[in-house]
Amino acid sequence: MTAKSTGDMGENIALAYYISNGYEFVCKNYHSRYGEIDIIMKNSDDIVFAEVKTRNKNSLTKPSEAVDSRKQKRILKTAAVYLDENPTDLQPRFDIIEVICGTAAIHINHIENAFCQTDDYAAF
């Protein structure tokens, strides 16, 4: 399996997870000049910008560790562009979905509010 096909599989699993938990699909693979947001979903309160990280169960690091401060800033900037183009009254929320693939099962770890805007970077 290539890295792209693994990532696509993880995004599809995360999308199905959100839908099964009552979220409404908005967009997948939204691009701006700053980067990409894997999945955008919404519920009655939030517009959710989700970064999906897929790893093998034998990986030495947690998938969420790949979402460092530099990656977070790119996601925040991209979300700001999306919100400028698509105004909403919903509260922005930034999640990480870890998809961990084993030989017999797949584990999903949903980290709500995994990161947020900080004082040193005011995106909104």
PDB file of N, CA and C in Angstrom:
ATOM      1  N   MET A   1       0.831  -1.176   0.000  1.00  0.00           N
ATOM      2  CA  MET A   1       0.000   0.000   0.000  1.00  0.00           C
ATOM      3  C   MET A   1       0.883   1.249   0.000  1.00  0.00           C
ATOM      4  N   THR A   2       0.561   2.218  -0.839  1.00  0.00           N
ATOM      5  CA  THR A   2       1.330   3.460  -0.874  1.00  0.00           C
ATOM      6  C   THR A   2       0.889   4.383   0.256  1.00  0.00           C
ATOM      7  N   ALA A   3       1.703   5.396   0.545  1.00  0.00           N
ATOM      8  CA  ALA A   3       1.354   6.365   1.583  1.00  0.00           C
ATOM      9  C   ALA A   3       0.052   7.084   1.228  1.00  0.00           C
ATOM     10  N   LYS A   4      -0.125   7.405  -0.049  1.00  0.00           N
ATOM     11  CA  LYS A   4      -1.353   8.086  -0.477  1.00  0.00           C
ATOM     12  C   LYS A   4      -2.572   7.196  -0.284  1.00  0.00           C
ATOM     13  N   SER A   5      -2.473   5.933  -0.686  1.00  0.00           N
ATOM     14  CA  SER A   5      -3.632   5.044  -0.537  1.00  0.00           C
ATOM     15  C   SER A   5      -3.935   4.787   0.944  1.00  0.00           C
ATOM     16  N   THR A   6      -2.896   4.715   1.776  1.00  0.00           N
ATOM     17  CA  THR A   6      -3.106   4.563   3.215  1.00  0.00           C
ATOM     18  C   THR A   6      -3.803   5.796   3.776  1.00  0.00           C
ATOM     19  N   GLY A   7      -3.341   6.972   3.366  1.00  0.00           N
ATOM     20  CA  GLY A   7      -3.964   8.220   3.812  1.00  0.00           C
ATOM     21  C   GLY A   7      -5.406   8.339   3.353  1.00  0.00           C
ATOM     22  N   ASP A   8      -5.670   7.982   2.087  1.00  0.00           N
ATOM     23  CA  ASP A   8      -7.041   8.026   1.566  1.00  0.00           C
ATOM     24  C   ASP A   8      -7.946   7.074   2.347  1.00  0.00           C
ATOM     25  N   MET A   9      -7.427   5.883   2.652  1.00  0.00           N
ATOM     26  CA  MET A   9      -8.206   4.923   3.420  1.00  0.00           C
ATOM     27  C   MET A   9      -8.532   5.499   4.802  1.00  0.00           C
ATOM     28  N   GLY A  10      -7.536   6.085   5.463  1.00  0.00           N
ATOM     29  CA  GLY A  10      -7.757   6.683   6.777  1.00  0.00           C
ATOM     30  C   GLY A  10      -8.781   7.801   6.741  1.00  0.00           C
ATOM     31  N   GLU A  11      -8.721   8.645   5.708  1.00  0.00           N
ATOM     32  CA  GLU A  11      -9.698   9.733   5.569  1.00  0.00           C
ATOM     33  C   GLU A  11     -11.105   9.179   5.387  1.00  0.00           C
ATOM     34  N   ASN A  12     -11.256   8.128   4.598  1.00  0.00           N
ATOM     35  CA  ASN A  12     -12.580   7.513   4.399  1.00  0.00           C
ATOM     36  C   ASN A  12     -13.111   6.899   5.691  1.00  0.00           C
ATOM     37  N   ILE A  13     -12.236   6.287   6.463  1.00  0.00           N
ATOM     38  CA  ILE A  13     -12.641   5.721   7.757  1.00  0.00           C
ATOM     39  C   ILE A  13     -13.060   6.843   8.705  1.00  0.00           C
ATOM     40  N   ALA A  14     -12.287   7.934   8.741  1.00  0.00           N
ATOM     41  CA  ALA A  14     -12.616   9.070   9.610  1.00  0.00           C
ATOM     42  C   ALA A  14     -13.938   9.706   9.194  1.00  0.00           C
ATOM     43  N   LEU A  15     -14.157   9.838   7.894  1.00  0.00           N
ATOM     44  CA  LEU A  15     -15.402  10.411   7.394  1.00  0.00           C
ATOM     45  C   LEU A  15     -16.599   9.561   7.834  1.00  0.00           C
ATOM     46  N   ALA A  16     -16.490   8.254   7.678  1.00  0.00           N
ATOM     47  CA  ALA A  16     -17.567   7.347   8.102  1.00  0.00           C
ATOM     48  C   ALA A  16     -17.784   7.440   9.609  1.00  0.00           C
ATOM     49  N   TYR A  17     -16.691   7.593  10.374  1.00  0.00           N
ATOM     50  CA  TYR A  17     -16.786   7.736  11.828  1.00  0.00           C
ATOM     51  C   TYR A  17     -17.587   8.984  12.190  1.00  0.00           C
ATOM     52  N   TYR A  18     -17.238  10.117  11.582  1.00  0.00           N
ATOM     53  CA  TYR A  18     -17.965  11.361  11.872  1.00  0.00           C
ATOM     54  C   TYR A  18     -19.447  11.219  11.525  1.00  0.00           C
ATOM     55  N   ILE A  19     -19.737  10.694  10.337  1.00  0.00           N
ATOM     56  CA  ILE A  19     -21.135  10.556   9.905  1.00  0.00           C
ATOM     57  C   ILE A  19     -21.905   9.652  10.862  1.00  0.00           C
ATOM     58  N   SER A  20     -21.279   8.555  11.305  1.00  0.00           N
ATOM     59  CA  SER A  20     -21.962   7.641  12.234  1.00  0.00           C
ATOM     60  C   SER A  20     -22.186   8.276  13.605  1.00  0.00           C
ATOM     61  N   ASN A  21     -21.471   9.373  13.875  1.00  0.00           N
ATOM     62  CA  ASN A  21     -21.648  10.089  15.140  1.00  0.00           C
ATOM     63  C   ASN A  21     -22.475  11.366  14.967  1.00  0.00           C
ATOM     64  N   GLY A  22     -23.212  11.456  13.862  1.00  0.00           N
ATOM     65  CA  GLY A  22     -24.180  12.524  13.686  1.00  0.00           C
ATOM     66  C   GLY A  22     -23.674  13.809  13.063  1.00  0.00           C
ATOM     67  N   TYR A  23     -22.453  13.822  12.568  1.00  0.00           N
ATOM     68  CA  TYR A  23     -21.920  15.011  11.911  1.00  0.00           C
ATOM     69  C   TYR A  23     -22.381  15.037  10.457  1.00  0.00           C
ATOM     70  N   GLU A  24     -22.424  16.247   9.901  1.00  0.00           N
ATOM     71  CA  GLU A  24     -22.791  16.433   8.504  1.00  0.00           C
ATOM     72  C   GLU A  24     -21.537  16.733   7.691  1.00  0.00           C
ATOM     73  N   PHE A  25     -21.407  16.054   6.560  1.00  0.00           N
ATOM     74  CA  PHE A  25     -20.262  16.255   5.677  1.00  0.00           C
ATOM     75  C   PHE A  25     -20.331  17.630   5.028  1.00  0.00           C
ATOM     76  N   VAL A  26     -19.186  18.320   5.004  1.00  0.00           N
ATOM     77  CA  VAL A  26     -19.090  19.622   4.341  1.00  0.00           C
ATOM     78  C   VAL A  26     -18.140  19.536   3.151  1.00  0.00           C
ATOM     79  N   CYS A  27     -16.920  19.043   3.394  1.00  0.00           N
ATOM     80  CA  CYS A  27     -15.903  19.087   2.339  1.00  0.00           C
ATOM     81  C   CYS A  27     -14.777  18.113   2.694  1.00  0.00           C
ATOM     82  N   LYS A  28     -14.119  17.615   1.671  1.00  0.00           N
ATOM     83  CA  LYS A  28     -12.959  16.746   1.869  1.00  0.00           C
ATOM     84  C   LYS A  28     -11.807  17.300   1.036  1.00  0.00           C
ATOM     85  N   ASN A  29     -10.614  17.304   1.599  1.00  0.00           N
ATOM     86  CA  ASN A  29      -9.394  17.750   0.931  1.00  0.00           C
ATOM     87  C   ASN A  29      -9.495  19.187   0.416  1.00  0.00           C
ATOM     88  N   TYR A  30      -9.868  20.091   1.314  1.00  0.00           N
ATOM     89  CA  TYR A  30      -9.956  21.509   0.968  1.00  0.00           C
ATOM     90  C   TYR A  30      -8.545  22.095   0.889  1.00  0.00           C
ATOM     91  N   HIS A  31      -8.252  22.757  -0.221  1.00  0.00           N
ATOM     92  CA  HIS A  31      -6.920  23.326  -0.456  1.00  0.00           C
ATOM     93  C   HIS A  31      -6.962  24.840  -0.445  1.00  0.00           C
ATOM     94  N   SER A  32      -5.917  25.438   0.110  1.00  0.00           N
ATOM     95  CA  SER A  32      -5.646  26.865  -0.040  1.00  0.00           C
ATOM     96  C   SER A  32      -4.156  26.994  -0.332  1.00  0.00           C
ATOM     97  N   ARG A  33      -3.700  28.200  -0.504  1.00  0.00           N
ATOM     98  CA  ARG A  33      -2.265  28.378  -0.761  1.00  0.00           C
ATOM     99  C   ARG A  33      -1.421  28.019   0.461  1.00  0.00           C
ATOM    100  N   TYR A  34      -2.058  27.891   1.613  1.00  0.00           N
ATOM    101  CA  TYR A  34      -1.333  27.559   2.848  1.00  0.00           C
ATOM    102  C   TYR A  34      -1.227  26.065   3.103  1.00  0.00           C
ATOM    103  N   GLY A  35      -2.149  25.303   2.537  1.00  0.00           N
ATOM    104  CA  GLY A  35      -2.120  23.865   2.784  1.00  0.00           C
ATOM    105  C   GLY A  35      -3.469  23.224   2.531  1.00  0.00           C
ATOM    106  N   GLU A  36      -3.686  22.094   3.181  1.00  0.00           N
ATOM    107  CA  GLU A  36      -4.895  21.300   2.977  1.00  0.00           C
ATOM    108  C   GLU A  36      -5.519  20.936   4.310  1.00  0.00           C
ATOM    109  N   ILE A  37      -6.836  20.880   4.312  1.00  0.00           N
ATOM    110  CA  ILE A  37      -7.577  20.328   5.444  1.00  0.00           C
ATOM    111  C   ILE A  37      -8.208  19.037   4.944  1.00  0.00           C
ATOM    112  N   ASP A  38      -7.957  17.946   5.667  1.00  0.00           N
ATOM    113  CA  ASP A  38      -8.409  16.633   5.211  1.00  0.00           C
ATOM    114  C   ASP A  38      -9.928  16.543   5.122  1.00  0.00           C
ATOM    115  N   ILE A  39     -10.608  16.898   6.216  1.00  0.00           N
ATOM    116  CA  ILE A  39     -12.068  16.768   6.256  1.00  0.00           C
ATOM    117  C   ILE A  39     -12.647  17.978   6.982  1.00  0.00           C
ATOM    118  N   ILE A  40     -13.756  18.485   6.453  1.00  0.00           N
ATOM    119  CA  ILE A  40     -14.519  19.524   7.137  1.00  0.00           C
ATOM    120  C   ILE A  40     -15.920  18.963   7.368  1.00  0.00           C
ATOM    121  N   MET A  41     -16.351  18.980   8.624  1.00  0.00           N
ATOM    122  CA  MET A  41     -17.663  18.466   9.021  1.00  0.00           C
ATOM    123  C   MET A  41     -18.354  19.542   9.848  1.00  0.00           C
ATOM    124  N   LYS A  42     -19.636  19.335  10.140  1.00  0.00           N
ATOM    125  CA  LYS A  42     -20.316  20.258  11.051  1.00  0.00           C
ATOM    126  C   LYS A  42     -21.363  19.513  11.855  1.00  0.00           C
ATOM    127  N   ASN A  43     -21.654  20.095  13.005  1.00  0.00           N
ATOM    128  CA  ASN A  43     -22.776  19.642  13.811  1.00  0.00           C
ATOM    129  C   ASN A  43     -23.564  20.894  14.195  1.00  0.00           C
ATOM    130  N   SER A  44     -24.434  20.813  15.156  1.00  0.00           N
ATOM    131  CA  SER A  44     -25.279  21.965  15.479  1.00  0.00           C
ATOM    132  C   SER A  44     -24.500  23.134  16.074  1.00  0.00           C
ATOM    133  N   ASP A  45     -23.330  22.883  16.635  1.00  0.00           N
ATOM    134  CA  ASP A  45     -22.549  23.931  17.291  1.00  0.00           C
ATOM    135  C   ASP A  45     -21.262  24.299  16.575  1.00  0.00           C
ATOM    136  N   ASP A  46     -20.627  23.341  15.932  1.00  0.00           N
ATOM    137  CA  ASP A  46     -19.262  23.517  15.446  1.00  0.00           C
ATOM    138  C   ASP A  46     -19.108  23.250  13.959  1.00  0.00           C
ATOM    139  N   ILE A  47     -18.150  23.944  13.365  1.00  0.00           N
ATOM    140  CA  ILE A  47     -17.606  23.539  12.074  1.00  0.00           C
ATOM    141  C   ILE A  47     -16.252  22.935  12.400  1.00  0.00           C
ATOM    142  N   VAL A  48     -16.056  21.694  12.027  1.00  0.00           N
ATOM    143  CA  VAL A  48     -14.899  20.915  12.461  1.00  0.00           C
ATOM    144  C   VAL A  48     -13.911  20.759  11.311  1.00  0.00           C
ATOM    145  N   PHE A  49     -12.687  21.194  11.566  1.00  0.00           N
ATOM    146  CA  PHE A  49     -11.590  21.024  10.622  1.00  0.00           C
ATOM    147  C   PHE A  49     -10.745  19.879  11.162  1.00  0.00           C
ATOM    148  N   ALA A  50     -10.751  18.762  10.456  1.00  0.00           N
ATOM    149  CA  ALA A  50     -10.116  17.543  10.972  1.00  0.00           C
ATOM    150  C   ALA A  50      -8.875  17.175  10.168  1.00  0.00           C
ATOM    151  N   GLU A  51      -7.812  16.916  10.898  1.00  0.00           N
ATOM    152  CA  GLU A  51      -6.580  16.375  10.322  1.00  0.00           C
ATOM    153  C   GLU A  51      -6.572  14.882  10.631  1.00  0.00           C
ATOM    154  N   VAL A  52      -6.432  14.061   9.606  1.00  0.00           N
ATOM    155  CA  VAL A  52      -6.461  12.609   9.769  1.00  0.00           C
ATOM    156  C   VAL A  52      -5.045  12.074   9.601  1.00  0.00           C
ATOM    157  N   LYS A  53      -4.604  11.282  10.558  1.00  0.00           N
ATOM    158  CA  LYS A  53      -3.289  10.650  10.502  1.00  0.00           C
ATOM    159  C   LYS A  53      -3.475   9.147  10.649  1.00  0.00           C
ATOM    160  N   THR A  54      -2.971   8.401   9.685  1.00  0.00           N
ATOM    161  CA  THR A  54      -3.130   6.951   9.661  1.00  0.00           C
ATOM    162  C   THR A  54      -1.765   6.294   9.818  1.00  0.00           C
ATOM    163  N   ARG A  55      -1.683   5.340  10.717  1.00  0.00           N
ATOM    164  CA  ARG A  55      -0.432   4.633  10.971  1.00  0.00           C
ATOM    165  C   ARG A  55      -0.710   3.155  11.202  1.00  0.00           C
ATOM    166  N   ASN A  56       0.332   2.365  11.046  1.00  0.00           N
ATOM    167  CA  ASN A  56       0.315   0.954  11.383  1.00  0.00           C
ATOM    168  C   ASN A  56       0.406   0.824  12.894  1.00  0.00           C
ATOM    169  N   LYS A  57      -0.178  -0.218  13.441  1.00  0.00           N
ATOM    170  CA  LYS A  57      -0.151  -0.399  14.902  1.00  0.00           C
ATOM    171  C   LYS A  57       1.272  -0.532  15.451  1.00  0.00           C
ATOM    172  N   ASN A  58       2.225  -0.880  14.613  1.00  0.00           N
ATOM    173  CA  ASN A  58       3.603  -1.042  15.060  1.00  0.00           C
ATOM    174  C   ASN A  58       4.429   0.242  14.931  1.00  0.00           C
ATOM    175  N   SER A  59       3.789   1.335  14.578  1.00  0.00           N
ATOM    176  CA  SER A  59       4.495   2.603  14.429  1.00  0.00           C
ATOM    177  C   SER A  59       5.135   3.003  15.756  1.00  0.00           C
ATOM    178  N   LEU A  60       6.306   3.613  15.678  1.00  0.00           N
ATOM    179  CA  LEU A  60       7.024   4.008  16.883  1.00  0.00           C
ATOM    180  C   LEU A  60       6.471   5.277  17.529  1.00  0.00           C
ATOM    181  N   THR A  61       5.688   6.049  16.776  1.00  0.00           N
ATOM    182  CA  THR A  61       5.124   7.288  17.310  1.00  0.00           C
ATOM    183  C   THR A  61       3.611   7.288  17.134  1.00  0.00           C
ATOM    184  N   LYS A  62       2.965   8.101  17.961  1.00  0.00           N
ATOM    185  CA  LYS A  62       1.522   8.268  17.825  1.00  0.00           C
ATOM    186  C   LYS A  62       1.241   9.094  16.578  1.00  0.00           C
ATOM    187  N   PRO A  63       0.183   8.799  15.855  1.00  0.00           N
ATOM    188  CA  PRO A  63      -0.126   9.572  14.657  1.00  0.00           C
ATOM    189  C   PRO A  63      -0.240  11.073  14.908  1.00  0.00           C
ATOM    190  N   SER A  64      -0.824  11.456  16.029  1.00  0.00           N
ATOM    191  CA  SER A  64      -1.031  12.882  16.324  1.00  0.00           C
ATOM    192  C   SER A  64       0.277  13.646  16.494  1.00  0.00           C
ATOM    193  N   GLU A  65       1.363  12.956  16.765  1.00  0.00           N
ATOM    194  CA  GLU A  65       2.658  13.625  16.924  1.00  0.00           C
ATOM    195  C   GLU A  65       3.130  14.269  15.620  1.00  0.00           C
ATOM    196  N   ALA A  66       2.560  13.844  14.501  1.00  0.00           N
ATOM    197  CA  ALA A  66       2.922  14.423  13.209  1.00  0.00           C
ATOM    198  C   ALA A  66       2.273  15.795  12.992  1.00  0.00           C
ATOM    199  N   VAL A  67       1.341  16.161  13.857  1.00  0.00           N
ATOM    200  CA  VAL A  67       0.664  17.454  13.733  1.00  0.00           C
ATOM    201  C   VAL A  67       1.360  18.438  14.676  1.00  0.00           C
ATOM    202  N   ASP A  68       2.544  18.866  14.246  1.00  0.00           N
ATOM    203  CA  ASP A  68       3.347  19.781  15.057  1.00  0.00           C
ATOM    204  C   ASP A  68       2.839  21.215  14.910  1.00  0.00           C
ATOM    205  N   SER A  69       3.492  22.161  15.571  1.00  0.00           N
ATOM    206  CA  SER A  69       3.026  23.556  15.568  1.00  0.00           C
ATOM    207  C   SER A  69       3.037  24.151  14.167  1.00  0.00           C
ATOM    208  N   ARG A  70       4.005  23.773  13.348  1.00  0.00           N
ATOM    209  CA  ARG A  70       4.052  24.271  11.970  1.00  0.00           C
ATOM    210  C   ARG A  70       2.837  23.793  11.177  1.00  0.00           C
ATOM    211  N   LYS A  71       2.491  22.513  11.311  1.00  0.00           N
ATOM    212  CA  LYS A  71       1.323  21.945  10.634  1.00  0.00           C
ATOM    213  C   LYS A  71       0.038  22.593  11.165  1.00  0.00           C
ATOM    214  N   GLN A  72      -0.028  22.817  12.464  1.00  0.00           N
ATOM    215  CA  GLN A  72      -1.202  23.454  13.059  1.00  0.00           C
ATOM    216  C   GLN A  72      -1.411  24.858  12.489  1.00  0.00           C
ATOM    217  N   LYS A  73      -0.339  25.616  12.345  1.00  0.00           N
ATOM    218  CA  LYS A  73      -0.452  26.970  11.784  1.00  0.00           C
ATOM    219  C   LYS A  73      -0.963  26.934  10.353  1.00  0.00           C
ATOM    220  N   ARG A  74      -0.495  25.975   9.564  1.00  0.00           N
ATOM    221  CA  ARG A  74      -0.977  25.845   8.183  1.00  0.00           C
ATOM    222  C   ARG A  74      -2.470  25.504   8.158  1.00  0.00           C
ATOM    223  N   ILE A  75      -2.894  24.637   9.057  1.00  0.00           N
ATOM    224  CA  ILE A  75      -4.312  24.277   9.136  1.00  0.00           C
ATOM    225  C   ILE A  75      -5.136  25.490   9.560  1.00  0.00           C
ATOM    226  N   LEU A  76      -4.658  26.241  10.556  1.00  0.00           N
ATOM    227  CA  LEU A  76      -5.366  27.435  11.012  1.00  0.00           C
ATOM    228  C   LEU A  76      -5.508  28.458   9.891  1.00  0.00           C
ATOM    229  N   LYS A  77      -4.433  28.681   9.136  1.00  0.00           N
ATOM    230  CA  LYS A  77      -4.484  29.633   8.015  1.00  0.00           C
ATOM    231  C   LYS A  77      -5.445  29.148   6.937  1.00  0.00           C
ATOM    232  N   THR A  78      -5.407  27.861   6.630  1.00  0.00           N
ATOM    233  CA  THR A  78      -6.291  27.306   5.614  1.00  0.00           C
ATOM    234  C   THR A  78      -7.747  27.396   6.072  1.00  0.00           C
ATOM    235  N   ALA A  79      -8.000  27.138   7.347  1.00  0.00           N
ATOM    236  CA  ALA A  79      -9.359  27.266   7.882  1.00  0.00           C
ATOM    237  C   ALA A  79      -9.843  28.712   7.790  1.00  0.00           C
ATOM    238  N   ALA A  80      -8.955  29.670   8.035  1.00  0.00           N
ATOM    239  CA  ALA A  80      -9.327  31.082   7.935  1.00  0.00           C
ATOM    240  C   ALA A  80      -9.743  31.423   6.504  1.00  0.00           C
ATOM    241  N   VAL A  81      -9.017  30.897   5.528  1.00  0.00           N
ATOM    242  CA  VAL A  81      -9.383  31.117   4.122  1.00  0.00           C
ATOM    243  C   VAL A  81     -10.752  30.501   3.847  1.00  0.00           C
ATOM    244  N   TYR A  82     -10.958  29.264   4.311  1.00  0.00           N
ATOM    245  CA  TYR A  82     -12.246  28.600   4.104  1.00  0.00           C
ATOM    246  C   TYR A  82     -13.380  29.432   4.708  1.00  0.00           C
ATOM    247  N   LEU A  83     -13.178  29.919   5.932  1.00  0.00           N
ATOM    248  CA  LEU A  83     -14.231  30.679   6.605  1.00  0.00           C
ATOM    249  C   LEU A  83     -14.469  32.037   5.947  1.00  0.00           C
ATOM    250  N   ASP A  84     -13.436  32.627   5.371  1.00  0.00           N
ATOM    251  CA  ASP A  84     -13.635  33.866   4.599  1.00  0.00           C
ATOM    252  C   ASP A  84     -14.515  33.599   3.376  1.00  0.00           C
ATOM    253  N   GLU A  85     -14.316  32.463   2.745  1.00  0.00           N
ATOM    254  CA  GLU A  85     -15.084  32.101   1.545  1.00  0.00           C
ATOM    255  C   GLU A  85     -16.464  31.537   1.879  1.00  0.00           C
ATOM    256  N   ASN A  86     -16.617  30.992   3.082  1.00  0.00           N
ATOM    257  CA  ASN A  86     -17.851  30.317   3.498  1.00  0.00           C
ATOM    258  C   ASN A  86     -18.239  30.758   4.906  1.00  0.00           C
ATOM    259  N   PRO A  87     -18.725  31.986   5.065  1.00  0.00           N
ATOM    260  CA  PRO A  87     -19.049  32.478   6.413  1.00  0.00           C
ATOM    261  C   PRO A  87     -20.079  31.583   7.111  1.00  0.00           C
ATOM    262  N   THR A  88     -19.932  31.461   8.422  1.00  0.00           N
ATOM    263  CA  THR A  88     -20.842  30.646   9.225  1.00  0.00           C
ATOM    264  C   THR A  88     -20.890  31.203  10.642  1.00  0.00           C
ATOM    265  N   ASP A  89     -21.966  30.916  11.333  1.00  0.00           N
ATOM    266  CA  ASP A  89     -22.087  31.276  12.744  1.00  0.00           C
ATOM    267  C   ASP A  89     -21.574  30.157  13.644  1.00  0.00           C
ATOM    268  N   LEU A  90     -21.192  29.030  13.051  1.00  0.00           N
ATOM    269  CA  LEU A  90     -20.701  27.904  13.835  1.00  0.00           C
ATOM    270  C   LEU A  90     -19.312  28.201  14.386  1.00  0.00           C
ATOM    271  N   GLN A  91     -19.009  27.605  15.522  1.00  0.00           N
ATOM    272  CA  GLN A  91     -17.709  27.766  16.179  1.00  0.00           C
ATOM    273  C   GLN A  91     -16.674  26.867  15.507  1.00  0.00           C
ATOM    274  N   PRO A  92     -15.532  27.411  15.081  1.00  0.00           N
ATOM    275  CA  PRO A  92     -14.486  26.546  14.515  1.00  0.00           C
ATOM    276  C   PRO A  92     -13.887  25.634  15.585  1.00  0.00           C
ATOM    277  N   ARG A  93     -13.658  24.394  15.209  1.00  0.00           N
ATOM    278  CA  ARG A  93     -13.024  23.415  16.099  1.00  0.00           C
ATOM    279  C   ARG A  93     -12.019  22.627  15.283  1.00  0.00           C
ATOM    280  N   PHE A  94     -10.893  22.299  15.909  1.00  0.00           N
ATOM    281  CA  PHE A  94      -9.805  21.609  15.210  1.00  0.00           C
ATOM    282  C   PHE A  94      -9.556  20.269  15.880  1.00  0.00           C
ATOM    283  N   ASP A  95      -9.860  19.199  15.153  1.00  0.00           N
ATOM    284  CA  ASP A  95      -9.727  17.834  15.656  1.00  0.00           C
ATOM    285  C   ASP A  95      -8.586  17.116  14.946  1.00  0.00           C
ATOM    286  N   ILE A  96      -8.097  16.094  15.612  1.00  0.00           N
ATOM    287  CA  ILE A  96      -7.203  15.129  14.982  1.00  0.00           C
ATOM    288  C   ILE A  96      -7.868  13.768  15.114  1.00  0.00           C
ATOM    289  N   ILE A  97      -7.911  13.048  14.011  1.00  0.00           N
ATOM    290  CA  ILE A  97      -8.405  11.673  14.022  1.00  0.00           C
ATOM    291  C   ILE A  97      -7.210  10.769  13.756  1.00  0.00           C
ATOM    292  N   GLU A  98      -6.897   9.918  14.725  1.00  0.00           N
ATOM    293  CA  GLU A  98      -5.845   8.921  14.551  1.00  0.00           C
ATOM    294  C   GLU A  98      -6.504   7.624  14.105  1.00  0.00           C
ATOM    295  N   VAL A  99      -6.049   7.092  12.986  1.00  0.00           N
ATOM    296  CA  VAL A  99      -6.518   5.797  12.497  1.00  0.00           C
ATOM    297  C   VAL A  99      -5.330   4.853  12.591  1.00  0.00           C
ATOM    298  N   ILE A 100      -5.475   3.840  13.441  1.00  0.00           N
ATOM    299  CA  ILE A 100      -4.384   2.893  13.684  1.00  0.00           C
ATOM    300  C   ILE A 100      -4.815   1.529  13.155  1.00  0.00           C
ATOM    301  N   CYS A 101      -4.083   1.062  12.159  1.00  0.00           N
ATOM    302  CA  CYS A 101      -4.439  -0.177  11.469  1.00  0.00           C
ATOM    303  C   CYS A 101      -3.661  -1.351  12.042  1.00  0.00           C
ATOM    304  N   GLY A 102      -4.391  -2.369  12.448  1.00  0.00           N
ATOM    305  CA  GLY A 102      -3.777  -3.612  12.892  1.00  0.00           C
ATOM    306  C   GLY A 102      -4.070  -4.710  11.888  1.00  0.00           C
ATOM    307  N   THR A 103      -3.643  -5.906  12.201  1.00  0.00           N
ATOM    308  CA  THR A 103      -3.871  -7.014  11.275  1.00  0.00           C
ATOM    309  C   THR A 103      -5.337  -7.421  11.233  1.00  0.00           C
ATOM    310  N   ALA A 104      -6.029  -7.320  12.352  1.00  0.00           N
ATOM    311  CA  ALA A 104      -7.417  -7.776  12.391  1.00  0.00           C
ATOM    312  C   ALA A 104      -8.416  -6.656  12.656  1.00  0.00           C
ATOM    313  N   ALA A 105      -7.950  -5.486  13.081  1.00  0.00           N
ATOM    314  CA  ALA A 105      -8.885  -4.429  13.459  1.00  0.00           C
ATOM    315  C   ALA A 105      -8.287  -3.050  13.200  1.00  0.00           C
ATOM    316  N   ILE A 106      -9.173  -2.083  13.166  1.00  0.00           N
ATOM    317  CA  ILE A 106      -8.772  -0.689  13.017  1.00  0.00           C
ATOM    318  C   ILE A 106      -9.253   0.051  14.253  1.00  0.00           C
ATOM    319  N   HIS A 107      -8.370   0.841  14.830  1.00  0.00           N
ATOM    320  CA  HIS A 107      -8.707   1.626  16.015  1.00  0.00           C
ATOM    321  C   HIS A 107      -8.754   3.104  15.623  1.00  0.00           C
ATOM    322  N   ILE A 108      -9.797   3.797  16.080  1.00  0.00           N
ATOM    323  CA  ILE A 108      -9.936   5.233  15.828  1.00  0.00           C
ATOM    324  C   ILE A 108      -9.826   5.968  17.152  1.00  0.00           C
ATOM    325  N   ASN A 109      -8.947   6.955  17.189  1.00  0.00           N
ATOM    326  CA  ASN A 109      -8.821   7.824  18.355  1.00  0.00           C
ATOM    327  C   ASN A 109      -9.185   9.232  17.909  1.00  0.00           C
ATOM    328  N   HIS A 110     -10.310   9.734  18.408  1.00  0.00           N
ATOM    329  CA  HIS A 110     -10.812  11.055  18.040  1.00  0.00           C
ATOM    330  C   HIS A 110     -10.379  12.047  19.114  1.00  0.00           C
ATOM    331  N   ILE A 111      -9.529  12.982  18.735  1.00  0.00           N
ATOM    332  CA  ILE A 111      -9.043  14.010  19.665  1.00  0.00           C
ATOM    333  C   ILE A 111      -9.764  15.308  19.321  1.00  0.00           C
ATOM    334  N   GLU A 112     -10.841  15.604  20.076  1.00  0.00           N
ATOM    335  CA  GLU A 112     -11.585  16.842  19.860  1.00  0.00           C
ATOM    336  C   GLU A 112     -10.791  18.011  20.408  1.00  0.00           C
ATOM    337  N   ASN A 113     -10.897  19.158  19.746  1.00  0.00           N
ATOM    338  CA  ASN A 113     -10.178  20.358  20.186  1.00  0.00           C
ATOM    339  C   ASN A 113      -8.705  20.065  20.404  1.00  0.00           C
ATOM    340  N   ALA A 114      -8.097  19.390  19.465  1.00  0.00           N
ATOM    341  CA  ALA A 114      -6.700  18.972  19.603  1.00  0.00           C
ATOM    342  C   ALA A 114      -5.759  20.163  19.681  1.00  0.00           C
ATOM    343  N   PHE A 115      -6.118  21.233  19.029  1.00  0.00           N
ATOM    344  CA  PHE A 115      -5.341  22.466  19.098  1.00  0.00           C
ATOM    345  C   PHE A 115      -6.269  23.620  18.793  1.00  0.00           C
ATOM    346  N   CYS A 116      -5.805  24.816  19.065  1.00  0.00           N
ATOM    347  CA  CYS A 116      -6.633  25.993  18.816  1.00  0.00           C
ATOM    348  C   CYS A 116      -5.744  27.182  18.493  1.00  0.00           C
ATOM    349  N   GLN A 117      -6.400  28.260  18.137  1.00  0.00           N
ATOM    350  CA  GLN A 117      -5.699  29.510  17.852  1.00  0.00           C
ATOM    351  C   GLN A 117      -4.973  29.963  19.116  1.00  0.00           C
ATOM    352  N   THR A 118      -3.768  30.448  18.946  1.00  0.00           N
ATOM    353  CA  THR A 118      -3.007  30.979  20.071  1.00  0.00           C
ATOM    354  C   THR A 118      -2.814  32.471  19.892  1.00  0.00           C
ATOM    355  N   ASP A 119      -2.356  33.128  20.928  1.00  0.00           N
ATOM    356  CA  ASP A 119      -2.115  34.572  20.860  1.00  0.00           C
ATOM    357  C   ASP A 119      -1.068  34.950  19.826  1.00  0.00           C
ATOM    358  N   ASP A 120      -0.082  34.089  19.632  1.00  0.00           N
ATOM    359  CA  ASP A 120       0.981  34.418  18.669  1.00  0.00           C
ATOM    360  C   ASP A 120       0.564  34.162  17.221  1.00  0.00           C
ATOM    361  N   TYR A 121      -0.625  33.562  17.035  1.00  0.00           N
ATOM    362  CA  TYR A 121      -1.151  33.440  15.679  1.00  0.00           C
ATOM    363  C   TYR A 121      -2.662  33.612  15.727  1.00  0.00           C
ATOM    364  N   ALA A 122      -3.118  34.777  15.348  1.00  0.00           N
ATOM    365  CA  ALA A 122      -4.544  35.074  15.377  1.00  0.00           C
ATOM    366  C   ALA A 122      -5.135  34.886  13.981  1.00  0.00           C
ATOM    367  N   ALA A 123      -5.675  33.715  13.731  1.00  0.00           N
ATOM    368  CA  ALA A 123      -6.229  33.410  12.407  1.00  0.00           C
ATOM    369  C   ALA A 123      -7.647  33.932  12.248  1.00  0.00           C
ATOM    370  N   PHE A 124      -8.369  34.061  13.338  1.00  0.00           N
ATOM    371  CA  PHE A 124      -9.794  34.423  13.222  1.00  0.00           C
ATOM    372  C   PHE A 124     -10.058  35.766  13.842  1.00  0.00           C
TER     373      PHE A 124
END
